[in-house]
Amino acid sequence: MNTAYYKEYYDLERSHWWFIAREHILRDFIKKIIKNNNLPNKKLKILNIGCATGKSSIFLSEFGTVTSIEYNEECVAFTNEITNLNIIHGSITSLPFAKSSFDLVCAFDVIEHVLNDNLAVFEMKRVTNPDGIILITVPAFMQLWSHHDVVNQHFRRYRSNEIKLLFEKDNNGKIIFSSYFNCLLFSPIFCIRYFNRIFRFQDTNSDSGSDFSTFKFTILNSLLYRILYFESKFIKNNIRLPFGVSLLFSWKKSK
């Protein structure tokens, strides 16, 4: 097991501006979902798919009982050894749960890693209770494709209409809300990735070339967090951002 790699990722999930801001945006949004849909706060049955080193499962536990599942066996072993999360090894395309098992099914930046995203969505819907909710985030816009996507083993980045089509195929639910986020930083990120792609630059701060190495322990970390988390004000008030580096999408299953 590459313990050093998973330890680095464990630390990133708990210190990097992007992970922290995304968590706070999602927490605010889930609070709104619970209120608007009369869900039992703190009593939800929650499935967290692709939980990695578990930070997202910890914050989701504020809203109910969380079942955590992760595809990477080494990541499961590492996280179970240093936390009390008891993560299950499994795949989003073959979830080891009965149908209609969960009130809230979450997959934060997961389905872009899956070749058959149609099957991933089918499985998420299958294990969601009637009147239950699916909440996902994905990277947005193929124009932002970079070495970061390659090293993180992404198959694609999405536009809003592409995610909507994935969920509307079976006509067994309705979209609650969809919006891009990380909008304010879109232009600088686009420019950096564009020039890196044209001139074949790679991130010299990291052996992997992942964007997550950038600013992780600098004063800019706090500034970038504040810029991204500011967008939560729009999302909480149902204001859809027209573009962004990422996309948030929520869907409710019919009775």
C-alpha atoms as a PDB file:
ATOM      1  CA  MET A   1       0.000   0.000   0.000  1.00  0.00           C
ATOM      2  CA  ASN A   2       1.225   3.501  -0.867  1.00  0.00           C
ATOM      3  CA  THR A   3       0.551   4.856   2.610  1.00  0.00           C
ATOM      4  CA  ALA A   4       2.269   8.185   1.896  1.00  0.00           C
ATOM      5  CA  TYR A   5      -0.111   8.882  -1.005  1.00  0.00           C
ATOM      6  CA  TYR A   6      -3.253   8.225   1.033  1.00  0.00           C
ATOM      7  CA  LYS A   7      -1.877  10.194   3.991  1.00  0.00           C
ATOM      8  CA  GLU A   8      -1.331  13.154   1.647  1.00  0.00           C
ATOM      9  CA  TYR A   9      -4.881  12.829   0.303  1.00  0.00           C
ATOM     10  CA  TYR A  10      -6.219  12.490   3.856  1.00  0.00           C
ATOM     11  CA  ASP A  11      -4.529  15.781   4.750  1.00  0.00           C
ATOM     12  CA  LEU A  12      -5.722  17.482   1.548  1.00  0.00           C
ATOM     13  CA  GLU A  13      -9.367  16.629   2.253  1.00  0.00           C
ATOM     14  CA  ARG A  14      -9.015  18.372   5.587  1.00  0.00           C
ATOM     15  CA  SER A  15      -6.891  21.405   4.658  1.00  0.00           C
ATOM     16  CA  HIS A  16      -7.131  22.297   0.954  1.00  0.00           C
ATOM     17  CA  TRP A  17      -9.307  25.311   0.112  1.00  0.00           C
ATOM     18  CA  TRP A  18     -11.279  23.465  -2.567  1.00  0.00           C
ATOM     19  CA  PHE A  19     -12.266  20.511  -0.368  1.00  0.00           C
ATOM     20  CA  ILE A  20     -13.182  22.734   2.577  1.00  0.00           C
ATOM     21  CA  ALA A  21     -15.238  25.193   0.513  1.00  0.00           C
ATOM     22  CA  ARG A  22     -17.018  22.382  -1.358  1.00  0.00           C
ATOM     23  CA  GLU A  23     -17.919  20.761   1.972  1.00  0.00           C
ATOM     24  CA  HIS A  24     -19.340  24.008   3.341  1.00  0.00           C
ATOM     25  CA  ILE A  25     -21.331  24.655   0.159  1.00  0.00           C
ATOM     26  CA  LEU A  26     -22.751  21.124   0.303  1.00  0.00           C
ATOM     27  CA  ARG A  27     -23.591  21.391   4.000  1.00  0.00           C
ATOM     28  CA  ASP A  28     -25.543  24.597   3.402  1.00  0.00           C
ATOM     29  CA  PHE A  29     -27.332  23.039   0.438  1.00  0.00           C
ATOM     30  CA  ILE A  30     -28.276  19.867   2.327  1.00  0.00           C
ATOM     31  CA  LYS A  31     -29.764  21.965   5.130  1.00  0.00           C
ATOM     32  CA  LYS A  32     -31.928  23.678   2.520  1.00  0.00           C
ATOM     33  CA  ILE A  33     -32.962  20.326   0.971  1.00  0.00           C
ATOM     34  CA  ILE A  34     -33.998  18.969   4.373  1.00  0.00           C
ATOM     35  CA  LYS A  35     -36.083  22.046   5.137  1.00  0.00           C
ATOM     36  CA  ASN A  36     -37.756  22.294   1.724  1.00  0.00           C
ATOM     37  CA  ASN A  37     -38.582  18.585   1.464  1.00  0.00           C
ATOM     38  CA  ASN A  38     -39.657  17.954   5.073  1.00  0.00           C
ATOM     39  CA  LEU A  39     -36.950  15.352   5.583  1.00  0.00           C
ATOM     40  CA  PRO A  40     -36.162  14.104   9.102  1.00  0.00           C
ATOM     41  CA  ASN A  41     -33.102  16.141  10.109  1.00  0.00           C
ATOM     42  CA  LYS A  42     -30.397  14.098  11.861  1.00  0.00           C
ATOM     43  CA  LYS A  43     -32.332  10.903  11.105  1.00  0.00           C
ATOM     44  CA  LEU A  44     -31.625  10.397   7.407  1.00  0.00           C
ATOM     45  CA  LYS A  45     -30.266   7.149   6.016  1.00  0.00           C
ATOM     46  CA  ILE A  46     -27.378   8.404   3.893  1.00  0.00           C
ATOM     47  CA  LEU A  47     -25.166   6.656   1.349  1.00  0.00           C
ATOM     48  CA  ASN A  48     -21.846   8.327   0.557  1.00  0.00           C
ATOM     49  CA  ILE A  49     -20.378   6.839  -2.625  1.00  0.00           C
ATOM     50  CA  GLY A  50     -16.691   7.319  -3.389  1.00  0.00           C
ATOM     51  CA  CYS A  51     -15.948   8.606   0.097  1.00  0.00           C
ATOM     52  CA  ALA A  52     -12.131   8.448  -0.351  1.00  0.00           C
ATOM     53  CA  THR A  53     -10.488   9.107   3.048  1.00  0.00           C
ATOM     54  CA  GLY A  54     -13.784   9.861   4.705  1.00  0.00           C
ATOM     55  CA  LYS A  55     -13.992  13.589   5.382  1.00  0.00           C
ATOM     56  CA  SER A  56     -17.264  13.908   3.470  1.00  0.00           C
ATOM     57  CA  SER A  57     -18.758  11.045   5.501  1.00  0.00           C
ATOM     58  CA  ILE A  58     -17.898  12.859   8.713  1.00  0.00           C
ATOM     59  CA  PHE A  59     -19.780  16.018   7.762  1.00  0.00           C
ATOM     60  CA  LEU A  60     -22.707  14.008   6.335  1.00  0.00           C
ATOM     61  CA  SER A  61     -23.097  12.293   9.722  1.00  0.00           C
ATOM     62  CA  GLU A  62     -24.481  15.618  11.004  1.00  0.00           C
ATOM     63  CA  PHE A  63     -27.669  14.740   9.108  1.00  0.00           C
ATOM     64  CA  GLY A  64     -28.129  11.058   9.938  1.00  0.00           C
ATOM     65  CA  THR A  65     -26.593   7.611   9.711  1.00  0.00           C
ATOM     66  CA  VAL A  66     -23.989   7.365   6.951  1.00  0.00           C
ATOM     67  CA  THR A  67     -22.981   4.267   5.017  1.00  0.00           C
ATOM     68  CA  SER A  68     -19.680   4.877   3.227  1.00  0.00           C
ATOM     69  CA  ILE A  69     -18.481   3.026   0.143  1.00  0.00           C
ATOM     70  CA  GLU A  70     -15.218   3.382  -1.784  1.00  0.00           C
ATOM     71  CA  TYR A  71     -13.946   1.594  -4.905  1.00  0.00           C
ATOM     72  CA  ASN A  72     -10.200   1.732  -4.159  1.00  0.00           C
ATOM     73  CA  GLU A  73      -9.345  -1.167  -1.842  1.00  0.00           C
ATOM     74  CA  GLU A  74      -6.105   0.388  -0.600  1.00  0.00           C
ATOM     75  CA  CYS A  75      -7.912   3.604   0.264  1.00  0.00           C
ATOM     76  CA  VAL A  76     -10.541   1.604   2.167  1.00  0.00           C
ATOM     77  CA  ALA A  77      -7.864  -0.251   4.144  1.00  0.00           C
ATOM     78  CA  PHE A  78      -5.945   2.943   4.939  1.00  0.00           C
ATOM     79  CA  THR A  79      -9.000   4.923   6.043  1.00  0.00           C
ATOM     80  CA  ASN A  80     -10.494   2.113   8.117  1.00  0.00           C
ATOM     81  CA  GLU A  81      -7.166   1.748   9.916  1.00  0.00           C
ATOM     82  CA  ILE A  82      -6.971   5.382  11.047  1.00  0.00           C
ATOM     83  CA  THR A  83     -10.683   6.253  11.449  1.00  0.00           C
ATOM     84  CA  ASN A  84     -13.786   4.569  12.875  1.00  0.00           C
ATOM     85  CA  LEU A  85     -15.814   4.975   9.678  1.00  0.00           C
ATOM     86  CA  ASN A  86     -15.921   1.280   8.684  1.00  0.00           C
ATOM     87  CA  ILE A  87     -15.921   2.014   4.949  1.00  0.00           C
ATOM     88  CA  ILE A  88     -17.230  -0.697   2.617  1.00  0.00           C
ATOM     89  CA  HIS A  89     -15.360  -1.686  -0.533  1.00  0.00           C
ATOM     90  CA  GLY A  90     -17.633  -1.549  -3.578  1.00  0.00           C
ATOM     91  CA  SER A  91     -18.486   0.029  -6.919  1.00  0.00           C
ATOM     92  CA  ILE A  92     -21.069   2.639  -7.859  1.00  0.00           C
ATOM     93  CA  THR A  93     -22.007   0.470 -10.860  1.00  0.00           C
ATOM     94  CA  SER A  94     -22.907  -2.482  -8.626  1.00  0.00           C
ATOM     95  CA  LEU A  95     -23.981  -1.147  -5.241  1.00  0.00           C
ATOM     96  CA  PRO A  96     -24.275  -3.933  -2.616  1.00  0.00           C
ATOM     97  CA  PHE A  97     -27.588  -2.685  -1.212  1.00  0.00           C
ATOM     98  CA  ALA A  98     -31.263  -3.500  -1.684  1.00  0.00           C
ATOM     99  CA  LYS A  99     -33.460  -1.159  -3.680  1.00  0.00           C
ATOM    100  CA  SER A 100     -34.966   1.806  -1.829  1.00  0.00           C
ATOM    101  CA  SER A 101     -32.468   1.713   1.039  1.00  0.00           C
ATOM    102  CA  PHE A 102     -31.462   5.363   1.517  1.00  0.00           C
ATOM    103  CA  ASP A 103     -33.067   8.776   1.971  1.00  0.00           C
ATOM    104  CA  LEU A 104     -30.053  10.673   0.625  1.00  0.00           C
ATOM    105  CA  VAL A 105     -27.527   9.271  -1.859  1.00  0.00           C
ATOM    106  CA  CYS A 106     -24.376  11.328  -2.395  1.00  0.00           C
ATOM    107  CA  ALA A 107     -21.578  11.007  -4.942  1.00  0.00           C
ATOM    108  CA  PHE A 108     -19.204  13.953  -4.744  1.00  0.00           C
ATOM    109  CA  ASP A 109     -16.921  14.060  -7.785  1.00  0.00           C
ATOM    110  CA  VAL A 110     -17.368  10.368  -8.526  1.00  0.00           C
ATOM    111  CA  ILE A 111     -19.203   9.593 -11.779  1.00  0.00           C
ATOM    112  CA  GLU A 112     -16.542  11.264 -13.933  1.00  0.00           C
ATOM    113  CA  HIS A 113     -14.305   8.353 -12.868  1.00  0.00           C
ATOM    114  CA  VAL A 114     -16.785   5.773 -14.219  1.00  0.00           C
ATOM    115  CA  LEU A 115     -16.786   4.590 -17.828  1.00  0.00           C
ATOM    116  CA  ASN A 116     -20.504   3.706 -17.765  1.00  0.00           C
ATOM    117  CA  ASP A 117     -22.050   6.730 -16.071  1.00  0.00           C
ATOM    118  CA  ASN A 118     -25.543   5.617 -17.177  1.00  0.00           C
ATOM    119  CA  LEU A 119     -25.180   2.505 -15.031  1.00  0.00           C
ATOM    120  CA  ALA A 120     -23.857   4.589 -12.143  1.00  0.00           C
ATOM    121  CA  VAL A 121     -26.959   6.798 -12.239  1.00  0.00           C
ATOM    122  CA  PHE A 122     -29.243   3.747 -12.551  1.00  0.00           C
ATOM    123  CA  GLU A 123     -27.689   2.211  -9.434  1.00  0.00           C
ATOM    124  CA  MET A 124     -27.962   5.431  -7.442  1.00  0.00           C
ATOM    125  CA  LYS A 125     -31.637   5.684  -8.358  1.00  0.00           C
ATOM    126  CA  ARG A 126     -32.228   2.021  -7.490  1.00  0.00           C
ATOM    127  CA  VAL A 127     -31.007   2.350  -3.896  1.00  0.00           C
ATOM    128  CA  THR A 128     -32.791   5.679  -3.289  1.00  0.00           C
ATOM    129  CA  ASN A 129     -36.075   5.614  -1.362  1.00  0.00           C
ATOM    130  CA  PRO A 130     -39.249   6.997  -2.959  1.00  0.00           C
ATOM    131  CA  ASP A 131     -39.168  10.730  -2.177  1.00  0.00           C
ATOM    132  CA  GLY A 132     -35.447  10.291  -1.496  1.00  0.00           C
ATOM    133  CA  ILE A 133     -32.808  12.561  -2.969  1.00  0.00           C
ATOM    134  CA  ILE A 134     -29.608  12.126  -4.967  1.00  0.00           C
ATOM    135  CA  LEU A 135     -26.958  14.823  -4.633  1.00  0.00           C
ATOM    136  CA  ILE A 136     -23.847  14.846  -6.798  1.00  0.00           C
ATOM    137  CA  THR A 137     -21.015  17.110  -7.844  1.00  0.00           C
ATOM    138  CA  VAL A 138     -18.927  16.708 -10.989  1.00  0.00           C
ATOM    139  CA  PRO A 139     -16.173  18.629 -12.792  1.00  0.00           C
ATOM    140  CA  ALA A 140     -17.563  20.894 -15.502  1.00  0.00           C
ATOM    141  CA  PHE A 141     -16.699  21.785 -19.109  1.00  0.00           C
ATOM    142  CA  MET A 142     -14.358  19.724 -21.285  1.00  0.00           C
ATOM    143  CA  GLN A 143     -12.688  23.026 -22.220  1.00  0.00           C
ATOM    144  CA  LEU A 144     -11.068  22.799 -18.770  1.00  0.00           C
ATOM    145  CA  TRP A 145      -9.638  19.341 -19.432  1.00  0.00           C
ATOM    146  CA  SER A 146      -6.046  19.204 -18.193  1.00  0.00           C
ATOM    147  CA  HIS A 147      -3.317  16.999 -16.779  1.00  0.00           C
ATOM    148  CA  HIS A 148      -5.224  17.209 -13.491  1.00  0.00           C
ATOM    149  CA  ASP A 149      -8.052  15.188 -15.095  1.00  0.00           C
ATOM    150  CA  VAL A 150      -5.615  12.650 -16.496  1.00  0.00           C
ATOM    151  CA  VAL A 151      -3.806  11.926 -13.222  1.00  0.00           C
ATOM    152  CA  ASN A 152      -7.136  11.725 -11.390  1.00  0.00           C
ATOM    153  CA  GLN A 153      -8.390   9.190 -13.960  1.00  0.00           C
ATOM    154  CA  HIS A 154     -11.383  11.154 -15.195  1.00  0.00           C
ATOM    155  CA  PHE A 155     -13.242  10.001 -18.298  1.00  0.00           C
ATOM    156  CA  ARG A 156     -15.020  13.304 -18.873  1.00  0.00           C
ATOM    157  CA  ARG A 157     -16.145  16.670 -17.570  1.00  0.00           C
ATOM    158  CA  TYR A 158     -19.834  17.610 -17.786  1.00  0.00           C
ATOM    159  CA  ARG A 159     -22.184  20.342 -18.878  1.00  0.00           C
ATOM    160  CA  SER A 160     -25.434  20.855 -16.995  1.00  0.00           C
ATOM    161  CA  ASN A 161     -27.614  19.521 -19.829  1.00  0.00           C
ATOM    162  CA  GLU A 162     -25.566  16.303 -20.014  1.00  0.00           C
ATOM    163  CA  ILE A 163     -26.223  15.513 -16.352  1.00  0.00           C
ATOM    164  CA  LYS A 164     -29.909  16.351 -16.778  1.00  0.00           C
ATOM    165  CA  LEU A 165     -30.161  13.890 -19.675  1.00  0.00           C
ATOM    166  CA  LEU A 166     -28.579  11.143 -17.565  1.00  0.00           C
ATOM    167  CA  PHE A 167     -31.201  11.562 -14.857  1.00  0.00           C
ATOM    168  CA  GLU A 168     -34.242  12.204 -17.064  1.00  0.00           C
ATOM    169  CA  LYS A 169     -33.990   8.990 -19.111  1.00  0.00           C
ATOM    170  CA  ASP A 170     -36.299   6.875 -16.920  1.00  0.00           C
ATOM    171  CA  ASN A 171     -38.784   9.629 -16.038  1.00  0.00           C
ATOM    172  CA  ASN A 172     -38.931   8.379 -12.439  1.00  0.00           C
ATOM    173  CA  GLY A 173     -38.179  11.589 -10.588  1.00  0.00           C
ATOM    174  CA  LYS A 174     -37.593  15.301 -10.901  1.00  0.00           C
ATOM    175  CA  ILE A 175     -34.663  17.687 -10.801  1.00  0.00           C
ATOM    176  CA  ILE A 176     -34.589  19.787  -7.633  1.00  0.00           C
ATOM    177  CA  PHE A 177     -31.751  22.161  -8.423  1.00  0.00           C
ATOM    178  CA  SER A 178     -28.688  22.347 -10.637  1.00  0.00           C
ATOM    179  CA  SER A 179     -25.971  24.982 -10.749  1.00  0.00           C
ATOM    180  CA  TYR A 180     -22.366  25.410 -11.661  1.00  0.00           C
ATOM    181  CA  PHE A 181     -20.046  26.547  -8.886  1.00  0.00           C
ATOM    182  CA  ASN A 182     -16.463  27.757  -8.596  1.00  0.00           C
ATOM    183  CA  CYS A 183     -17.655  30.430 -11.012  1.00  0.00           C
ATOM    184  CA  LEU A 184     -15.569  33.373  -9.773  1.00  0.00           C
ATOM    185  CA  LEU A 185     -12.325  31.457 -10.307  1.00  0.00           C
ATOM    186  CA  PHE A 186     -13.366  30.040 -13.679  1.00  0.00           C
ATOM    187  CA  SER A 187     -11.482  32.565 -15.839  1.00  0.00           C
ATOM    188  CA  PRO A 188      -8.065  32.281 -14.141  1.00  0.00           C
ATOM    189  CA  ILE A 189      -8.342  28.489 -13.966  1.00  0.00           C
ATOM    190  CA  PHE A 190      -9.322  28.334 -17.646  1.00  0.00           C
ATOM    191  CA  CYS A 191      -6.360  30.520 -18.636  1.00  0.00           C
ATOM    192  CA  ILE A 192      -3.879  28.516 -16.570  1.00  0.00           C
ATOM    193  CA  ARG A 193      -5.091  25.194 -17.950  1.00  0.00           C
ATOM    194  CA  TYR A 194      -5.277  26.513 -21.508  1.00  0.00           C
ATOM    195  CA  PHE A 195      -1.687  27.723 -21.516  1.00  0.00           C
ATOM    196  CA  ASN A 196      -0.490  24.596 -19.726  1.00  0.00           C
ATOM    197  CA  ARG A 197      -2.145  22.543 -22.455  1.00  0.00           C
ATOM    198  CA  ILE A 198      -0.805  24.644 -25.334  1.00  0.00           C
ATOM    199  CA  PHE A 199       2.748  24.853 -24.030  1.00  0.00           C
ATOM    200  CA  ARG A 200       2.691  21.413 -22.407  1.00  0.00           C
ATOM    201  CA  PHE A 201       3.485  22.755 -18.969  1.00  0.00           C
ATOM    202  CA  GLN A 202       2.861  20.585 -15.936  1.00  0.00           C
ATOM    203  CA  ASP A 203       2.609  21.482 -12.303  1.00  0.00           C
ATOM    204  CA  THR A 204       6.169  21.426 -11.035  1.00  0.00           C
ATOM    205  CA  ASN A 205       4.953  21.545  -7.420  1.00  0.00           C
ATOM    206  CA  SER A 206       3.665  17.987  -7.530  1.00  0.00           C
ATOM    207  CA  ASP A 207       4.892  14.677  -8.877  1.00  0.00           C
ATOM    208  CA  SER A 208       1.343  13.879  -9.925  1.00  0.00           C
ATOM    209  CA  GLY A 209       0.529  17.144 -11.644  1.00  0.00           C
ATOM    210  CA  SER A 210      -2.778  17.406  -9.787  1.00  0.00           C
ATOM    211  CA  ASP A 211      -4.171  20.876  -9.127  1.00  0.00           C
ATOM    212  CA  PHE A 212      -4.750  19.869  -5.507  1.00  0.00           C
ATOM    213  CA  SER A 213      -1.084  20.485  -4.728  1.00  0.00           C
ATOM    214  CA  THR A 214      -1.481  24.187  -5.516  1.00  0.00           C
ATOM    215  CA  PHE A 215      -1.694  26.652  -2.610  1.00  0.00           C
ATOM    216  CA  LYS A 216      -2.432  23.915  -0.096  1.00  0.00           C
ATOM    217  CA  PHE A 217      -0.295  25.424   2.652  1.00  0.00           C
ATOM    218  CA  THR A 218      -0.015  29.090   1.641  1.00  0.00           C
ATOM    219  CA  ILE A 219      -1.805  32.293   2.543  1.00  0.00           C
ATOM    220  CA  LEU A 220      -3.697  31.986  -0.743  1.00  0.00           C
ATOM    221  CA  ASN A 221      -5.412  28.869   0.605  1.00  0.00           C
ATOM    222  CA  SER A 222      -7.590  30.996   2.889  1.00  0.00           C
ATOM    223  CA  LEU A 223      -8.312  33.593   0.202  1.00  0.00           C
ATOM    224  CA  LEU A 224      -9.349  31.005  -2.386  1.00  0.00           C
ATOM    225  CA  TYR A 225     -11.569  29.288   0.171  1.00  0.00           C
ATOM    226  CA  ARG A 226     -13.375  32.562   0.861  1.00  0.00           C
ATOM    227  CA  ILE A 227     -13.859  33.255  -2.849  1.00  0.00           C
ATOM    228  CA  LEU A 228     -15.357  29.826  -3.509  1.00  0.00           C
ATOM    229  CA  TYR A 229     -17.495  29.658  -0.373  1.00  0.00           C
ATOM    230  CA  PHE A 230     -18.969  33.080  -1.187  1.00  0.00           C
ATOM    231  CA  GLU A 231     -20.888  31.349  -3.988  1.00  0.00           C
ATOM    232  CA  SER A 232     -22.907  29.397  -1.424  1.00  0.00           C
ATOM    233  CA  LYS A 233     -25.004  32.549  -0.923  1.00  0.00           C
ATOM    234  CA  PHE A 234     -26.277  32.235  -4.495  1.00  0.00           C
ATOM    235  CA  ILE A 235     -26.892  28.490  -4.378  1.00  0.00           C
ATOM    236  CA  LYS A 236     -28.789  28.705  -1.062  1.00  0.00           C
ATOM    237  CA  ASN A 237     -31.116  31.233  -2.690  1.00  0.00           C
ATOM    238  CA  ASN A 238     -31.741  29.102  -5.810  1.00  0.00           C
ATOM    239  CA  ILE A 239     -29.659  31.397  -8.011  1.00  0.00           C
ATOM    240  CA  ARG A 240     -28.051  29.324 -10.745  1.00  0.00           C
ATOM    241  CA  LEU A 241     -24.526  30.315 -11.672  1.00  0.00           C
ATOM    242  CA  PRO A 242     -24.089  30.313 -15.480  1.00  0.00           C
ATOM    243  CA  PHE A 243     -20.696  28.579 -15.549  1.00  0.00           C
ATOM    244  CA  GLY A 244     -18.077  27.201 -13.205  1.00  0.00           C
ATOM    245  CA  VAL A 245     -15.284  24.708 -12.753  1.00  0.00           C
ATOM    246  CA  SER A 246     -17.716  22.307 -11.042  1.00  0.00           C
ATOM    247  CA  LEU A 247     -21.406  21.423 -11.163  1.00  0.00           C
ATOM    248  CA  LEU A 248     -23.835  20.652  -8.328  1.00  0.00           C
ATOM    249  CA  PHE A 249     -26.939  18.615  -9.174  1.00  0.00           C
ATOM    250  CA  SER A 250     -29.831  17.302  -7.064  1.00  0.00           C
ATOM    251  CA  TRP A 251     -32.706  14.992  -8.022  1.00  0.00           C
ATOM    252  CA  LYS A 252     -35.756  13.627  -6.168  1.00  0.00           C
ATOM    253  CA  LYS A 253     -37.181  10.162  -6.777  1.00  0.00           C
ATOM    254  CA  SER A 254     -40.907   9.818  -7.389  1.00  0.00           C
ATOM    255  CA  LYS A 255     -43.125   7.852  -5.005  1.00  0.00           C
END
